[in-house]
Amino acid sequence: MLADSSAYSGFSVDDLDAARRFYEETLGLRTSPLGMDGLMRLELGGGGFVLVYAKDDHSPATFTVLNFPVPDVEKAVDELTARGVRFERYENPPTDEMGIMRAGGPLIAWFTDPAGNVFSVIDED
């Protein structure tokens, strides 16, 4: 039954309008309203989507909620930084001055949306 379901994930934000502006204007993604206040679809490649919903007592997740595989992490970081995205710096796992983790595994760099949810760009290989 569930194996054939078109499953999707979701996460909350504290300000749906601020999130929509960030996703569309800064990240260049598409969103669409769902016909009910406080809900929108964040459109992803391949026809997938994520449900984004407003929550008054929103607390950002302490983990990455959305990963964007890219062919060149350094280029993605440069382009997103030019658009105003600030990449996180961590000691563990260690990130460099660009915010890229290079200590084993795929290259990855983390950033947050206006609600504090953690996203990443990650090497697609």
PDB file of N, CA and C in Angstrom:
ATOM      1  N   MET A   1       0.822  -1.192   0.000  1.00  0.00           N
ATOM      2  CA  MET A   1       0.000   0.000   0.000  1.00  0.00           C
ATOM      3  C   MET A   1       0.869   1.261   0.000  1.00  0.00           C
ATOM      4  N   LEU A   2       1.801   1.407   0.934  1.00  0.00           N
ATOM      5  CA  LEU A   2       2.601   2.619   1.017  1.00  0.00           C
ATOM      6  C   LEU A   2       3.712   2.678  -0.031  1.00  0.00           C
ATOM      7  N   ALA A   3       4.135   1.536  -0.518  1.00  0.00           N
ATOM      8  CA  ALA A   3       5.216   1.502  -1.506  1.00  0.00           C
ATOM      9  C   ALA A   3       4.841   2.255  -2.777  1.00  0.00           C
ATOM     10  N   ASP A   4       3.582   2.345  -3.094  1.00  0.00           N
ATOM     11  CA  ASP A   4       3.135   3.037  -4.299  1.00  0.00           C
ATOM     12  C   ASP A   4       2.662   4.461  -4.029  1.00  0.00           C
ATOM     13  N   SER A   5       2.763   4.896  -2.775  1.00  0.00           N
ATOM     14  CA  SER A   5       2.323   6.236  -2.408  1.00  0.00           C
ATOM     15  C   SER A   5       3.329   7.282  -2.866  1.00  0.00           C
ATOM     16  N   SER A   6       2.836   8.420  -3.298  1.00  0.00           N
ATOM     17  CA  SER A   6       3.703   9.550  -3.644  1.00  0.00           C
ATOM     18  C   SER A   6       3.961  10.358  -2.374  1.00  0.00           C
ATOM     19  N   ALA A   7       4.817   9.839  -1.523  1.00  0.00           N
ATOM     20  CA  ALA A   7       5.091  10.461  -0.233  1.00  0.00           C
ATOM     21  C   ALA A   7       5.793  11.804  -0.406  1.00  0.00           C
ATOM     22  N   TYR A   8       5.633  12.653   0.574  1.00  0.00           N
ATOM     23  CA  TYR A   8       6.330  13.928   0.612  1.00  0.00           C
ATOM     24  C   TYR A   8       6.596  14.283   2.065  1.00  0.00           C
ATOM     25  N   SER A   9       7.516  15.172   2.253  1.00  0.00           N
ATOM     26  CA  SER A   9       7.890  15.599   3.590  1.00  0.00           C
ATOM     27  C   SER A   9       7.356  17.003   3.831  1.00  0.00           C
ATOM     28  N   GLY A  10       7.504  17.465   5.045  1.00  0.00           N
ATOM     29  CA  GLY A  10       7.073  18.811   5.370  1.00  0.00           C
ATOM     30  C   GLY A  10       7.831  19.354   6.559  1.00  0.00           C
ATOM     31  N   PHE A  11       7.813  20.661   6.670  1.00  0.00           N
ATOM     32  CA  PHE A  11       8.398  21.307   7.843  1.00  0.00           C
ATOM     33  C   PHE A  11       7.693  22.641   8.056  1.00  0.00           C
ATOM     34  N   SER A  12       7.854  23.177   9.258  1.00  0.00           N
ATOM     35  CA  SER A  12       7.163  24.407   9.612  1.00  0.00           C
ATOM     36  C   SER A  12       8.080  25.620   9.497  1.00  0.00           C
ATOM     37  N   VAL A  13       7.444  26.775   9.400  1.00  0.00           N
ATOM     38  CA  VAL A  13       8.113  28.074   9.434  1.00  0.00           C
ATOM     39  C   VAL A  13       7.274  28.995  10.317  1.00  0.00           C
ATOM     40  N   ASP A  14       7.882  30.072  10.780  1.00  0.00           N
ATOM     41  CA  ASP A  14       7.122  31.011  11.607  1.00  0.00           C
ATOM     42  C   ASP A  14       6.481  32.121  10.791  1.00  0.00           C
ATOM     43  N   ASP A  15       6.952  32.348   9.565  1.00  0.00           N
ATOM     44  CA  ASP A  15       6.432  33.410   8.709  1.00  0.00           C
ATOM     45  C   ASP A  15       6.411  32.891   7.270  1.00  0.00           C
ATOM     46  N   LEU A  16       5.240  32.502   6.812  1.00  0.00           N
ATOM     47  CA  LEU A  16       5.111  31.897   5.490  1.00  0.00           C
ATOM     48  C   LEU A  16       5.502  32.865   4.369  1.00  0.00           C
ATOM     49  N   ASP A  17       5.151  34.149   4.509  1.00  0.00           N
ATOM     50  CA  ASP A  17       5.499  35.120   3.465  1.00  0.00           C
ATOM     51  C   ASP A  17       7.013  35.319   3.358  1.00  0.00           C
ATOM     52  N   ALA A  18       7.695  35.402   4.504  1.00  0.00           N
ATOM     53  CA  ALA A  18       9.160  35.552   4.489  1.00  0.00           C
ATOM     54  C   ALA A  18       9.802  34.309   3.882  1.00  0.00           C
ATOM     55  N   ALA A  19       9.284  33.135   4.220  1.00  0.00           N
ATOM     56  CA  ALA A  19       9.813  31.889   3.663  1.00  0.00           C
ATOM     57  C   ALA A  19       9.607  31.856   2.153  1.00  0.00           C
ATOM     58  N   ARG A  20       8.424  32.224   1.698  1.00  0.00           N
ATOM     59  CA  ARG A  20       8.129  32.226   0.258  1.00  0.00           C
ATOM     60  C   ARG A  20       9.083  33.155  -0.488  1.00  0.00           C
ATOM     61  N   ARG A  21       9.271  34.361   0.037  1.00  0.00           N
ATOM     62  CA  ARG A  21      10.188  35.306  -0.617  1.00  0.00           C
ATOM     63  C   ARG A  21      11.604  34.737  -0.699  1.00  0.00           C
ATOM     64  N   PHE A  22      12.092  34.145   0.387  1.00  0.00           N
ATOM     65  CA  PHE A  22      13.432  33.564   0.410  1.00  0.00           C
ATOM     66  C   PHE A  22      13.544  32.430  -0.598  1.00  0.00           C
ATOM     67  N   TYR A  23      12.576  31.508  -0.590  1.00  0.00           N
ATOM     68  CA  TYR A  23      12.640  30.359  -1.496  1.00  0.00           C
ATOM     69  C   TYR A  23      12.597  30.804  -2.953  1.00  0.00           C
ATOM     70  N   GLU A  24      11.729  31.765  -3.271  1.00  0.00           N
ATOM     71  CA  GLU A  24      11.577  32.206  -4.653  1.00  0.00           C
ATOM     72  C   GLU A  24      12.670  33.176  -5.076  1.00  0.00           C
ATOM     73  N   GLU A  25      12.850  34.255  -4.325  1.00  0.00           N
ATOM     74  CA  GLU A  25      13.739  35.333  -4.752  1.00  0.00           C
ATOM     75  C   GLU A  25      15.218  35.021  -4.501  1.00  0.00           C
ATOM     76  N   THR A  26      15.528  34.383  -3.394  1.00  0.00           N
ATOM     77  CA  THR A  26      16.928  34.123  -3.068  1.00  0.00           C
ATOM     78  C   THR A  26      17.398  32.786  -3.627  1.00  0.00           C
ATOM     79  N   LEU A  27      16.596  31.744  -3.438  1.00  0.00           N
ATOM     80  CA  LEU A  27      17.010  30.416  -3.894  1.00  0.00           C
ATOM     81  C   LEU A  27      16.580  30.121  -5.326  1.00  0.00           C
ATOM     82  N   GLY A  28      15.643  30.877  -5.866  1.00  0.00           N
ATOM     83  CA  GLY A  28      15.199  30.658  -7.246  1.00  0.00           C
ATOM     84  C   GLY A  28      14.277  29.464  -7.415  1.00  0.00           C
ATOM     85  N   LEU A  29      13.611  29.072  -6.341  1.00  0.00           N
ATOM     86  CA  LEU A  29      12.693  27.933  -6.390  1.00  0.00           C
ATOM     87  C   LEU A  29      11.272  28.418  -6.670  1.00  0.00           C
ATOM     88  N   ARG A  30      10.398  27.479  -6.979  1.00  0.00           N
ATOM     89  CA  ARG A  30       8.985  27.791  -7.180  1.00  0.00           C
ATOM     90  C   ARG A  30       8.191  27.349  -5.966  1.00  0.00           C
ATOM     91  N   THR A  31       7.179  28.121  -5.643  1.00  0.00           N
ATOM     92  CA  THR A  31       6.241  27.734  -4.594  1.00  0.00           C
ATOM     93  C   THR A  31       4.837  27.846  -5.166  1.00  0.00           C
ATOM     94  N   SER A  32       3.904  27.196  -4.508  1.00  0.00           N
ATOM     95  CA  SER A  32       2.508  27.344  -4.900  1.00  0.00           C
ATOM     96  C   SER A  32       1.643  27.221  -3.653  1.00  0.00           C
ATOM     97  N   PRO A  33       0.616  28.063  -3.574  1.00  0.00           N
ATOM     98  CA  PRO A  33      -0.288  27.981  -2.420  1.00  0.00           C
ATOM     99  C   PRO A  33      -1.118  26.707  -2.496  1.00  0.00           C
ATOM    100  N   LEU A  34      -1.601  26.279  -1.354  1.00  0.00           N
ATOM    101  CA  LEU A  34      -2.410  25.058  -1.326  1.00  0.00           C
ATOM    102  C   LEU A  34      -3.883  25.337  -1.053  1.00  0.00           C
ATOM    103  N   GLY A  35      -4.301  26.580  -1.165  1.00  0.00           N
ATOM    104  CA  GLY A  35      -5.713  26.891  -1.031  1.00  0.00           C
ATOM    105  C   GLY A  35      -6.188  26.996   0.405  1.00  0.00           C
ATOM    106  N   MET A  36      -5.300  26.808   1.344  1.00  0.00           N
ATOM    107  CA  MET A  36      -5.634  26.977   2.762  1.00  0.00           C
ATOM    108  C   MET A  36      -4.596  27.914   3.354  1.00  0.00           C
ATOM    109  N   ASP A  37      -5.029  28.845   4.175  1.00  0.00           N
ATOM    110  CA  ASP A  37      -4.072  29.741   4.818  1.00  0.00           C
ATOM    111  C   ASP A  37      -3.030  28.953   5.582  1.00  0.00           C
ATOM    112  N   GLY A  38      -1.790  29.394   5.468  1.00  0.00           N
ATOM    113  CA  GLY A  38      -0.726  28.782   6.246  1.00  0.00           C
ATOM    114  C   GLY A  38      -0.081  27.571   5.623  1.00  0.00           C
ATOM    115  N   LEU A  39      -0.398  27.260   4.356  1.00  0.00           N
ATOM    116  CA  LEU A  39       0.195  26.109   3.679  1.00  0.00           C
ATOM    117  C   LEU A  39       0.703  26.491   2.292  1.00  0.00           C
ATOM    118  N   MET A  40       1.862  25.964   1.922  1.00  0.00           N
ATOM    119  CA  MET A  40       2.339  26.106   0.550  1.00  0.00           C
ATOM    120  C   MET A  40       3.179  24.900   0.179  1.00  0.00           C
ATOM    121  N   ARG A  41       3.302  24.717  -1.115  1.00  0.00           N
ATOM    122  CA  ARG A  41       4.186  23.680  -1.662  1.00  0.00           C
ATOM    123  C   ARG A  41       5.475  24.342  -2.098  1.00  0.00           C
ATOM    124  N   LEU A  42       6.581  23.765  -1.693  1.00  0.00           N
ATOM    125  CA  LEU A  42       7.886  24.157  -2.190  1.00  0.00           C
ATOM    126  C   LEU A  42       8.217  23.151  -3.272  1.00  0.00           C
ATOM    127  N   GLU A  43       8.203  23.607  -4.533  1.00  0.00           N
ATOM    128  CA  GLU A  43       8.374  22.724  -5.678  1.00  0.00           C
ATOM    129  C   GLU A  43       9.840  22.341  -5.836  1.00  0.00           C
ATOM    130  N   LEU A  44      10.093  21.065  -6.054  1.00  0.00           N
ATOM    131  CA  LEU A  44      11.448  20.550  -6.229  1.00  0.00           C
ATOM    132  C   LEU A  44      11.573  19.909  -7.602  1.00  0.00           C
ATOM    133  N   GLY A  45      12.792  19.672  -8.043  1.00  0.00           N
ATOM    134  CA  GLY A  45      13.027  19.035  -9.328  1.00  0.00           C
ATOM    135  C   GLY A  45      12.395  17.655  -9.394  1.00  0.00           C
ATOM    136  N   GLY A  46      12.087  17.210 -10.592  1.00  0.00           N
ATOM    137  CA  GLY A  46      11.539  15.878 -10.791  1.00  0.00           C
ATOM    138  C   GLY A  46      10.095  15.734 -10.362  1.00  0.00           C
ATOM    139  N   GLY A  47       9.411  16.843 -10.129  1.00  0.00           N
ATOM    140  CA  GLY A  47       8.000  16.782  -9.758  1.00  0.00           C
ATOM    141  C   GLY A  47       7.747  16.618  -8.274  1.00  0.00           C
ATOM    142  N   GLY A  48       8.802  16.552  -7.480  1.00  0.00           N
ATOM    143  CA  GLY A  48       8.625  16.432  -6.037  1.00  0.00           C
ATOM    144  C   GLY A  48       8.312  17.771  -5.393  1.00  0.00           C
ATOM    145  N   PHE A  49       7.872  17.699  -4.166  1.00  0.00           N
ATOM    146  CA  PHE A  49       7.602  18.922  -3.421  1.00  0.00           C
ATOM    147  C   PHE A  49       7.716  18.647  -1.932  1.00  0.00           C
ATOM    148  N   VAL A  50       7.781  19.731  -1.197  1.00  0.00           N
ATOM    149  CA  VAL A  50       7.779  19.687   0.262  1.00  0.00           C
ATOM    150  C   VAL A  50       6.634  20.575   0.720  1.00  0.00           C
ATOM    151  N   LEU A  51       5.880  20.111   1.703  1.00  0.00           N
ATOM    152  CA  LEU A  51       4.830  20.907   2.304  1.00  0.00           C
ATOM    153  C   LEU A  51       5.476  21.835   3.336  1.00  0.00           C
ATOM    154  N   VAL A  52       5.239  23.123   3.205  1.00  0.00           N
ATOM    155  CA  VAL A  52       5.733  24.106   4.166  1.00  0.00           C
ATOM    156  C   VAL A  52       4.507  24.722   4.813  1.00  0.00           C
ATOM    157  N   TYR A  53       4.492  24.744   6.137  1.00  0.00           N
ATOM    158  CA  TYR A  53       3.318  25.237   6.843  1.00  0.00           C
ATOM    159  C   TYR A  53       3.704  26.188   7.958  1.00  0.00           C
ATOM    160  N   ALA A  54       2.858  27.192   8.145  1.00  0.00           N
ATOM    161  CA  ALA A  54       3.066  28.175   9.203  1.00  0.00           C
ATOM    162  C   ALA A  54       2.661  27.557  10.539  1.00  0.00           C
ATOM    163  N   LYS A  55       3.473  27.842  11.545  1.00  0.00           N
ATOM    164  CA  LYS A  55       3.207  27.327  12.887  1.00  0.00           C
ATOM    165  C   LYS A  55       3.578  28.420  13.883  1.00  0.00           C
ATOM    166  N   ASP A  56       2.605  28.845  14.672  1.00  0.00           N
ATOM    167  CA  ASP A  56       2.836  29.940  15.613  1.00  0.00           C
ATOM    168  C   ASP A  56       3.979  29.665  16.572  1.00  0.00           C
ATOM    169  N   ASP A  57       4.076  28.447  17.077  1.00  0.00           N
ATOM    170  CA  ASP A  57       5.137  28.120  18.045  1.00  0.00           C
ATOM    171  C   ASP A  57       6.279  27.359  17.375  1.00  0.00           C
ATOM    172  N   HIS A  58       6.580  27.731  16.133  1.00  0.00           N
ATOM    173  CA  HIS A  58       7.637  27.085  15.346  1.00  0.00           C
ATOM    174  C   HIS A  58       8.967  27.085  16.087  1.00  0.00           C
ATOM    175  N   SER A  59       9.625  25.949  16.060  1.00  0.00           N
ATOM    176  CA  SER A  59      11.015  25.821  16.497  1.00  0.00           C
ATOM    177  C   SER A  59      11.756  25.156  15.355  1.00  0.00           C
ATOM    178  N   PRO A  60      12.848  25.764  14.885  1.00  0.00           N
ATOM    179  CA  PRO A  60      13.568  25.151  13.768  1.00  0.00           C
ATOM    180  C   PRO A  60      14.154  23.806  14.167  1.00  0.00           C
ATOM    181  N   ALA A  61      14.208  22.917  13.215  1.00  0.00           N
ATOM    182  CA  ALA A  61      14.800  21.604  13.448  1.00  0.00           C
ATOM    183  C   ALA A  61      16.282  21.758  13.748  1.00  0.00           C
ATOM    184  N   THR A  62      16.827  20.826  14.494  1.00  0.00           N
ATOM    185  CA  THR A  62      18.262  20.843  14.825  1.00  0.00           C
ATOM    186  C   THR A  62      19.055  19.987  13.846  1.00  0.00           C
ATOM    187  N   PHE A  63      18.444  19.641  12.740  1.00  0.00           N
ATOM    188  CA  PHE A  63      19.075  18.799  11.720  1.00  0.00           C
ATOM    189  C   PHE A  63      18.721  19.362  10.349  1.00  0.00           C
ATOM    190  N   THR A  64      19.366  18.861   9.321  1.00  0.00           N
ATOM    191  CA  THR A  64      19.105  19.316   7.957  1.00  0.00           C
ATOM    192  C   THR A  64      17.748  18.791   7.495  1.00  0.00           C
ATOM    193  N   VAL A  65      16.864  19.709   7.103  1.00  0.00           N
ATOM    194  CA  VAL A  65      15.538  19.305   6.653  1.00  0.00           C
ATOM    195  C   VAL A  65      15.462  19.126   5.142  1.00  0.00           C
ATOM    196  N   LEU A  66      16.422  19.727   4.395  1.00  0.00           N
ATOM    197  CA  LEU A  66      16.357  19.649   2.945  1.00  0.00           C
ATOM    198  C   LEU A  66      17.763  19.761   2.369  1.00  0.00           C
ATOM    199  N   ASN A  67      18.134  18.777   1.550  1.00  0.00           N
ATOM    200  CA  ASN A  67      19.440  18.741   0.883  1.00  0.00           C
ATOM    201  C   ASN A  67      19.247  18.971  -0.611  1.00  0.00           C
ATOM    202  N   PHE A  68      20.067  19.843  -1.177  1.00  0.00           N
ATOM    203  CA  PHE A  68      20.034  20.104  -2.610  1.00  0.00           C
ATOM    204  C   PHE A  68      21.312  19.555  -3.237  1.00  0.00           C
ATOM    205  N   PRO A  69      21.257  18.397  -3.917  1.00  0.00           N
ATOM    206  CA  PRO A  69      22.434  17.886  -4.616  1.00  0.00           C
ATOM    207  C   PRO A  69      22.805  18.817  -5.771  1.00  0.00           C
ATOM    208  N   VAL A  70      24.081  19.158  -5.847  1.00  0.00           N
ATOM    209  CA  VAL A  70      24.577  20.048  -6.901  1.00  0.00           C
ATOM    210  C   VAL A  70      25.862  19.457  -7.481  1.00  0.00           C
ATOM    211  N   PRO A  71      26.167  19.768  -8.753  1.00  0.00           N
ATOM    212  CA  PRO A  71      27.384  19.224  -9.358  1.00  0.00           C
ATOM    213  C   PRO A  71      28.661  19.876  -8.839  1.00  0.00           C
ATOM    214  N   ASP A  72      28.578  21.106  -8.312  1.00  0.00           N
ATOM    215  CA  ASP A  72      29.753  21.829  -7.853  1.00  0.00           C
ATOM    216  C   ASP A  72      29.383  22.628  -6.599  1.00  0.00           C
ATOM    217  N   VAL A  73      29.736  22.121  -5.428  1.00  0.00           N
ATOM    218  CA  VAL A  73      29.372  22.758  -4.163  1.00  0.00           C
ATOM    219  C   VAL A  73      30.005  24.145  -4.045  1.00  0.00           C
ATOM    220  N   GLU A  74      31.275  24.280  -4.410  1.00  0.00           N
ATOM    221  CA  GLU A  74      31.940  25.585  -4.309  1.00  0.00           C
ATOM    222  C   GLU A  74      31.226  26.635  -5.158  1.00  0.00           C
ATOM    223  N   LYS A  75      30.865  26.269  -6.372  1.00  0.00           N
ATOM    224  CA  LYS A  75      30.149  27.197  -7.255  1.00  0.00           C
ATOM    225  C   LYS A  75      28.776  27.550  -6.667  1.00  0.00           C
ATOM    226  N   ALA A  76      28.071  26.553  -6.137  1.00  0.00           N
ATOM    227  CA  ALA A  76      26.762  26.801  -5.527  1.00  0.00           C
ATOM    228  C   ALA A  76      26.900  27.744  -4.336  1.00  0.00           C
ATOM    229  N   VAL A  77      27.921  27.518  -3.497  1.00  0.00           N
ATOM    230  CA  VAL A  77      28.148  28.397  -2.344  1.00  0.00           C
ATOM    231  C   VAL A  77      28.435  29.816  -2.816  1.00  0.00           C
ATOM    232  N   ASP A  78      29.287  29.975  -3.826  1.00  0.00           N
ATOM    233  CA  ASP A  78      29.589  31.304  -4.362  1.00  0.00           C
ATOM    234  C   ASP A  78      28.334  31.995  -4.882  1.00  0.00           C
ATOM    235  N   GLU A  79      27.540  31.287  -5.664  1.00  0.00           N
ATOM    236  CA  GLU A  79      26.335  31.891  -6.248  1.00  0.00           C
ATOM    237  C   GLU A  79      25.316  32.245  -5.179  1.00  0.00           C
ATOM    238  N   LEU A  80      25.105  31.355  -4.219  1.00  0.00           N
ATOM    239  CA  LEU A  80      24.134  31.640  -3.162  1.00  0.00           C
ATOM    240  C   LEU A  80      24.622  32.744  -2.233  1.00  0.00           C
ATOM    241  N   THR A  81      25.919  32.784  -1.965  1.00  0.00           N
ATOM    242  CA  THR A  81      26.475  33.864  -1.144  1.00  0.00           C
ATOM    243  C   THR A  81      26.243  35.209  -1.827  1.00  0.00           C
ATOM    244  N   ALA A  82      26.417  35.256  -3.145  1.00  0.00           N
ATOM    245  CA  ALA A  82      26.177  36.485  -3.899  1.00  0.00           C
ATOM    246  C   ALA A  82      24.708  36.901  -3.828  1.00  0.00           C
ATOM    247  N   ARG A  83      23.818  35.955  -3.582  1.00  0.00           N
ATOM    248  CA  ARG A  83      22.384  36.248  -3.458  1.00  0.00           C
ATOM    249  C   ARG A  83      21.998  36.584  -2.020  1.00  0.00           C
ATOM    250  N   GLY A  84      22.975  36.573  -1.117  1.00  0.00           N
ATOM    251  CA  GLY A  84      22.705  36.956   0.266  1.00  0.00           C
ATOM    252  C   GLY A  84      22.588  35.811   1.255  1.00  0.00           C
ATOM    253  N   VAL A  85      22.805  34.585   0.793  1.00  0.00           N
ATOM    254  CA  VAL A  85      22.738  33.434   1.706  1.00  0.00           C
ATOM    255  C   VAL A  85      24.010  33.415   2.549  1.00  0.00           C
ATOM    256  N   ARG A  86      23.838  33.167   3.848  1.00  0.00           N
ATOM    257  CA  ARG A  86      24.973  33.061   4.762  1.00  0.00           C
ATOM    258  C   ARG A  86      25.135  31.600   5.145  1.00  0.00           C
ATOM    259  N   PHE A  87      26.309  31.066   4.893  1.00  0.00           N
ATOM    260  CA  PHE A  87      26.565  29.666   5.196  1.00  0.00           C
ATOM    261  C   PHE A  87      27.048  29.506   6.638  1.00  0.00           C
ATOM    262  N   GLU A  88      26.607  28.423   7.244  1.00  0.00           N
ATOM    263  CA  GLU A  88      26.935  28.145   8.637  1.00  0.00           C
ATOM    264  C   GLU A  88      28.389  27.715   8.754  1.00  0.00           C
ATOM    265  N   ARG A  89      28.980  27.984   9.892  1.00  0.00           N
ATOM    266  CA  ARG A  89      30.340  27.528  10.208  1.00  0.00           C
ATOM    267  C   ARG A  89      30.225  26.622  11.423  1.00  0.00           C
ATOM    268  N   TYR A  90      30.770  25.441  11.313  1.00  0.00           N
ATOM    269  CA  TYR A  90      30.715  24.468  12.401  1.00  0.00           C
ATOM    270  C   TYR A  90      32.118  23.993  12.754  1.00  0.00           C
ATOM    271  N   GLU A  91      32.301  23.664  14.018  1.00  0.00           N
ATOM    272  CA  GLU A  91      33.543  23.028  14.450  1.00  0.00           C
ATOM    273  C   GLU A  91      33.481  21.525  14.246  1.00  0.00           C
ATOM    274  N   ASN A  92      32.298  20.954  14.422  1.00  0.00           N
ATOM    275  CA  ASN A  92      32.139  19.512  14.291  1.00  0.00           C
ATOM    276  C   ASN A  92      30.813  19.213  13.606  1.00  0.00           C
ATOM    277  N   PRO A  93      30.810  18.793  12.363  1.00  0.00           N
ATOM    278  CA  PRO A  93      31.980  18.571  11.524  1.00  0.00           C
ATOM    279  C   PRO A  93      32.589  19.911  11.108  1.00  0.00           C
ATOM    280  N   PRO A  94      33.895  19.921  10.889  1.00  0.00           N
ATOM    281  CA  PRO A  94      34.573  21.188  10.598  1.00  0.00           C
ATOM    282  C   PRO A  94      34.246  21.715   9.207  1.00  0.00           C
ATOM    283  N   THR A  95      33.983  23.021   9.143  1.00  0.00           N
ATOM    284  CA  THR A  95      33.768  23.674   7.859  1.00  0.00           C
ATOM    285  C   THR A  95      34.870  24.700   7.646  1.00  0.00           C
ATOM    286  N   ASP A  96      35.151  24.991   6.378  1.00  0.00           N
ATOM    287  CA  ASP A  96      36.194  25.957   6.060  1.00  0.00           C
ATOM    288  C   ASP A  96      35.621  27.374   6.021  1.00  0.00           C
ATOM    289  N   GLU A  97      36.418  28.324   5.547  1.00  0.00           N
ATOM    290  CA  GLU A  97      35.998  29.727   5.518  1.00  0.00           C
ATOM    291  C   GLU A  97      34.802  29.966   4.606  1.00  0.00           C
ATOM    292  N   MET A  98      34.554  29.068   3.649  1.00  0.00           N
ATOM    293  CA  MET A  98      33.377  29.178   2.777  1.00  0.00           C
ATOM    294  C   MET A  98      32.147  28.535   3.420  1.00  0.00           C
ATOM    295  N   GLY A  99      32.368  27.772   4.482  1.00  0.00           N
ATOM    296  CA  GLY A  99      31.274  27.039   5.104  1.00  0.00           C
ATOM    297  C   GLY A  99      31.136  25.628   4.557  1.00  0.00           C
ATOM    298  N   ILE A 100      32.143  25.142   3.860  1.00  0.00           N
ATOM    299  CA  ILE A 100      32.091  23.816   3.240  1.00  0.00           C
ATOM    300  C   ILE A 100      32.787  22.795   4.127  1.00  0.00           C
ATOM    301  N   MET A 101      32.118  21.687   4.381  1.00  0.00           N
ATOM    302  CA  MET A 101      32.705  20.580   5.129  1.00  0.00           C
ATOM    303  C   MET A 101      33.440  19.704   4.120  1.00  0.00           C
ATOM    304  N   ARG A 102      34.759  19.553   4.347  1.00  0.00           N
ATOM    305  CA  ARG A 102      35.605  18.788   3.439  1.00  0.00           C
ATOM    306  C   ARG A 102      36.276  17.609   4.142  1.00  0.00           C
ATOM    307  N   ALA A 103      35.870  17.307   5.353  1.00  0.00           N
ATOM    308  CA  ALA A 103      36.553  16.295   6.177  1.00  0.00           C
ATOM    309  C   ALA A 103      35.918  14.926   6.017  1.00  0.00           C
ATOM    310  N   GLY A 104      36.007  14.354   4.843  1.00  0.00           N
ATOM    311  CA  GLY A 104      35.441  13.028   4.599  1.00  0.00           C
ATOM    312  C   GLY A 104      33.998  13.115   4.155  1.00  0.00           C
ATOM    313  N   GLY A 105      33.594  12.163   3.348  1.00  0.00           N
ATOM    314  CA  GLY A 105      32.235  12.176   2.818  1.00  0.00           C
ATOM    315  C   GLY A 105      32.103  13.207   1.717  1.00  0.00           C
ATOM    316  N   PRO A 106      30.892  13.404   1.224  1.00  0.00           N
ATOM    317  CA  PRO A 106      30.697  14.372   0.149  1.00  0.00           C
ATOM    318  C   PRO A 106      30.892  15.794   0.667  1.00  0.00           C
ATOM    319  N   LEU A 107      31.311  16.690  -0.221  1.00  0.00           N
ATOM    320  CA  LEU A 107      31.358  18.105   0.139  1.00  0.00           C
ATOM    321  C   LEU A 107      29.936  18.552   0.439  1.00  0.00           C
ATOM    322  N   ILE A 108      29.775  19.332   1.502  1.00  0.00           N
ATOM    323  CA  ILE A 108      28.455  19.810   1.901  1.00  0.00           C
ATOM    324  C   ILE A 108      28.610  21.146   2.601  1.00  0.00           C
ATOM    325  N   ALA A 109      27.638  22.032   2.397  1.00  0.00           N
ATOM    326  CA  ALA A 109      27.613  23.326   3.064  1.00  0.00           C
ATOM    327  C   ALA A 109      26.178  23.597   3.508  1.00  0.00           C
ATOM    328  N   TRP A 110      26.033  24.079   4.732  1.00  0.00           N
ATOM    329  CA  TRP A 110      24.717  24.277   5.330  1.00  0.00           C
ATOM    330  C   TRP A 110      24.366  25.755   5.428  1.00  0.00           C
ATOM    331  N   PHE A 111      23.076  26.049   5.261  1.00  0.00           N
ATOM    332  CA  PHE A 111      22.552  27.403   5.442  1.00  0.00           C
ATOM    333  C   PHE A 111      21.143  27.284   5.995  1.00  0.00           C
ATOM    334  N   THR A 112      20.601  28.401   6.469  1.00  0.00           N
ATOM    335  CA  THR A 112      19.253  28.355   7.040  1.00  0.00           C
ATOM    336  C   THR A 112      18.303  29.242   6.251  1.00  0.00           C
ATOM    337  N   ASP A 113      17.026  28.885   6.339  1.00  0.00           N
ATOM    338  CA  ASP A 113      15.985  29.732   5.778  1.00  0.00           C
ATOM    339  C   ASP A 113      15.628  30.789   6.834  1.00  0.00           C
ATOM    340  N   PRO A 114      14.730  31.721   6.538  1.00  0.00           N
ATOM    341  CA  PRO A 114      14.408  32.763   7.515  1.00  0.00           C
ATOM    342  C   PRO A 114      13.837  32.231   8.831  1.00  0.00           C
ATOM    343  N   ALA A 115      13.296  31.027   8.828  1.00  0.00           N
ATOM    344  CA  ALA A 115      12.734  30.431  10.047  1.00  0.00           C
ATOM    345  C   ALA A 115      13.766  29.636  10.835  1.00  0.00           C
ATOM    346  N   GLY A 116      15.009  29.569  10.320  1.00  0.00           N
ATOM    347  CA  GLY A 116      16.066  28.844  11.015  1.00  0.00           C
ATOM    348  C   GLY A 116      16.174  27.384  10.641  1.00  0.00           C
ATOM    349  N   ASN A 117      15.366  26.909   9.690  1.00  0.00           N
ATOM    350  CA  ASN A 117      15.467  25.528   9.228  1.00  0.00           C
ATOM    351  C   ASN A 117      16.758  25.351   8.446  1.00  0.00           C
ATOM    352  N   VAL A 118      17.435  24.227   8.652  1.00  0.00           N
ATOM    353  CA  VAL A 118      18.733  24.002   8.026  1.00  0.00           C
ATOM    354  C   VAL A 118      18.554  23.288   6.691  1.00  0.00           C
ATOM    355  N   PHE A 119      19.153  23.875   5.649  1.00  0.00           N
ATOM    356  CA  PHE A 119      19.214  23.310   4.308  1.00  0.00           C
ATOM    357  C   PHE A 119      20.683  23.077   3.982  1.00  0.00           C
ATOM    358  N   SER A 120      20.946  22.307   2.930  1.00  0.00           N
ATOM    359  CA  SER A 120      22.327  22.155   2.484  1.00  0.00           C
ATOM    360  C   SER A 120      22.397  22.103   0.976  1.00  0.00           C
ATOM    361  N   VAL A 121      23.590  22.416   0.483  1.00  0.00           N
ATOM    362  CA  VAL A 121      24.000  22.035  -0.867  1.00  0.00           C
ATOM    363  C   VAL A 121      25.033  20.954  -0.668  1.00  0.00           C
ATOM    364  N   ILE A 122      24.868  19.863  -1.385  1.00  0.00           N
ATOM    365  CA  ILE A 122      25.715  18.687  -1.192  1.00  0.00           C
ATOM    366  C   ILE A 122      26.155  18.143  -2.550  1.00  0.00           C
ATOM    367  N   ASP A 123      27.379  17.667  -2.601  1.00  0.00           N
ATOM    368  CA  ASP A 123      27.921  17.114  -3.839  1.00  0.00           C
ATOM    369  C   ASP A 123      27.029  15.975  -4.326  1.00  0.00           C
ATOM    370  N   GLU A 124      26.588  16.051  -5.581  1.00  0.00           N
ATOM    371  CA  GLU A 124      25.660  15.037  -6.085  1.00  0.00           C
ATOM    372  C   GLU A 124      26.313  13.723  -6.430  1.00  0.00           C
ATOM    373  N   ASP A 125      27.623  13.650  -6.436  1.00  0.00           N
ATOM    374  CA  ASP A 125      28.299  12.383  -6.758  1.00  0.00           C
ATOM    375  C   ASP A 125      28.369  11.462  -5.572  1.00  0.00           C
TER     376      ASP A 125
END
